[in-house]
Amino acid sequence: MAKRPLVHCRICKQAIDRDAQNDWIMPQEKWYYHQACYDDFARKKRQKDKEIEDLALERLKKETRIR
């Protein structure tokens, strides 16, 4: 079987040997991540999305009280 070429994690930029390592994921085509890097990235994104949602709700509540 032919060896697959090395790819790099989009977050930490370290090489991933897809034949030897089992701790990588590909959520989209040709987007490779270490599992730990992706989990950390996704957690931070969810926190940021939640903060933006909370700020938007506060602003809507404030605007509706002013009118």
C-alpha atoms as a PDB file:
ATOM      1  CA  MET A   1       0.000   0.000   0.000  1.00  0.00           C
ATOM      2  CA  ALA A   2       1.341   3.442  -0.886  1.00  0.00           C
ATOM      3  CA  LYS A   3       2.249   5.776   1.929  1.00  0.00           C
ATOM      4  CA  ARG A   4       0.107   8.896   2.150  1.00  0.00           C
ATOM      5  CA  PRO A   5       1.936  12.251   2.174  1.00  0.00           C
ATOM      6  CA  LEU A   6       2.417  14.244   5.366  1.00  0.00           C
ATOM      7  CA  VAL A   7      -0.122  16.962   6.088  1.00  0.00           C
ATOM      8  CA  HIS A   8      -0.032  19.797   8.627  1.00  0.00           C
ATOM      9  CA  CYS A   9      -2.422  20.715  11.410  1.00  0.00           C
ATOM     10  CA  ARG A  10      -4.137  24.016  10.570  1.00  0.00           C
ATOM     11  CA  ILE A  11      -3.793  25.232  14.166  1.00  0.00           C
ATOM     12  CA  CYS A  12      -0.364  24.179  15.476  1.00  0.00           C
ATOM     13  CA  LYS A  13       1.259  23.709  12.028  1.00  0.00           C
ATOM     14  CA  GLN A  14       2.943  20.436  13.072  1.00  0.00           C
ATOM     15  CA  ALA A  15       3.193  17.592  10.585  1.00  0.00           C
ATOM     16  CA  ILE A  16       0.667  14.755  10.762  1.00  0.00           C
ATOM     17  CA  ASP A  17       1.582  11.308   9.474  1.00  0.00           C
ATOM     18  CA  ARG A  18      -1.841   9.981   8.558  1.00  0.00           C
ATOM     19  CA  ASP A  19      -0.572   6.397   8.332  1.00  0.00           C
ATOM     20  CA  ALA A  20       1.062   6.296  11.783  1.00  0.00           C
ATOM     21  CA  GLN A  21      -1.019   8.671  13.923  1.00  0.00           C
ATOM     22  CA  ASN A  22      -4.612   8.037  14.911  1.00  0.00           C
ATOM     23  CA  ASP A  23      -5.184  11.315  16.769  1.00  0.00           C
ATOM     24  CA  TRP A  24      -6.143  13.476  13.783  1.00  0.00           C
ATOM     25  CA  ILE A  25      -9.460  14.440  12.218  1.00  0.00           C
ATOM     26  CA  MET A  26     -10.612  15.950   8.937  1.00  0.00           C
ATOM     27  CA  PRO A  27     -13.901  17.844   9.521  1.00  0.00           C
ATOM     28  CA  GLN A  28     -13.797  19.208   5.957  1.00  0.00           C
ATOM     29  CA  GLU A  29     -12.043  17.963   2.881  1.00  0.00           C
ATOM     30  CA  LYS A  30      -8.296  18.686   3.053  1.00  0.00           C
ATOM     31  CA  TRP A  31      -8.557  20.417   6.468  1.00  0.00           C
ATOM     32  CA  TYR A  32      -6.478  18.345   8.890  1.00  0.00           C
ATOM     33  CA  TYR A  33      -6.270  18.854  12.655  1.00  0.00           C
ATOM     34  CA  HIS A  34      -4.859  17.040  15.665  1.00  0.00           C
ATOM     35  CA  GLN A  35      -7.822  15.928  17.760  1.00  0.00           C
ATOM     36  CA  ALA A  36      -6.659  17.944  20.792  1.00  0.00           C
ATOM     37  CA  CYS A  37      -6.084  21.107  18.707  1.00  0.00           C
ATOM     38  CA  TYR A  38      -9.523  20.859  17.124  1.00  0.00           C
ATOM     39  CA  ASP A  39     -11.295  20.210  20.438  1.00  0.00           C
ATOM     40  CA  ASP A  40      -9.637  23.283  21.983  1.00  0.00           C
ATOM     41  CA  PHE A  41     -10.444  25.401  18.906  1.00  0.00           C
ATOM     42  CA  ALA A  42     -14.093  24.295  18.886  1.00  0.00           C
ATOM     43  CA  ARG A  43     -14.491  24.963  22.631  1.00  0.00           C
ATOM     44  CA  LYS A  44     -13.097  28.500  22.278  1.00  0.00           C
ATOM     45  CA  LYS A  45     -15.340  29.160  19.260  1.00  0.00           C
ATOM     46  CA  ARG A  46     -18.432  28.023  21.178  1.00  0.00           C
ATOM     47  CA  GLN A  47     -17.499  30.309  24.092  1.00  0.00           C
ATOM     48  CA  LYS A  48     -17.008  33.266  21.748  1.00  0.00           C
ATOM     49  CA  ASP A  49     -20.324  32.567  19.988  1.00  0.00           C
ATOM     50  CA  LYS A  50     -22.080  32.426  23.369  1.00  0.00           C
ATOM     51  CA  GLU A  51     -20.533  35.765  24.412  1.00  0.00           C
ATOM     52  CA  ILE A  52     -21.657  37.408  21.152  1.00  0.00           C
ATOM     53  CA  GLU A  53     -25.158  35.997  21.606  1.00  0.00           C
ATOM     54  CA  ASP A  54     -25.334  37.320  25.185  1.00  0.00           C
ATOM     55  CA  LEU A  55     -24.174  40.794  24.091  1.00  0.00           C
ATOM     56  CA  ALA A  56     -26.731  40.886  21.285  1.00  0.00           C
ATOM     57  CA  LEU A  57     -29.537  39.911  23.665  1.00  0.00           C
ATOM     58  CA  GLU A  58     -28.485  42.574  26.179  1.00  0.00           C
ATOM     59  CA  ARG A  59     -28.464  45.210  23.450  1.00  0.00           C
ATOM     60  CA  LEU A  60     -31.902  44.176  22.184  1.00  0.00           C
ATOM     61  CA  LYS A  61     -33.307  44.298  25.706  1.00  0.00           C
ATOM     62  CA  LYS A  62     -31.804  47.752  26.261  1.00  0.00           C
ATOM     63  CA  GLU A  63     -33.135  49.099  22.931  1.00  0.00           C
ATOM     64  CA  THR A  64     -36.644  47.823  23.578  1.00  0.00           C
ATOM     65  CA  ARG A  65     -36.706  49.462  27.043  1.00  0.00           C
ATOM     66  CA  ILE A  66     -35.624  52.843  25.638  1.00  0.00           C
ATOM     67  CA  ARG A  67     -38.478  53.072  23.135  1.00  0.00           C
END
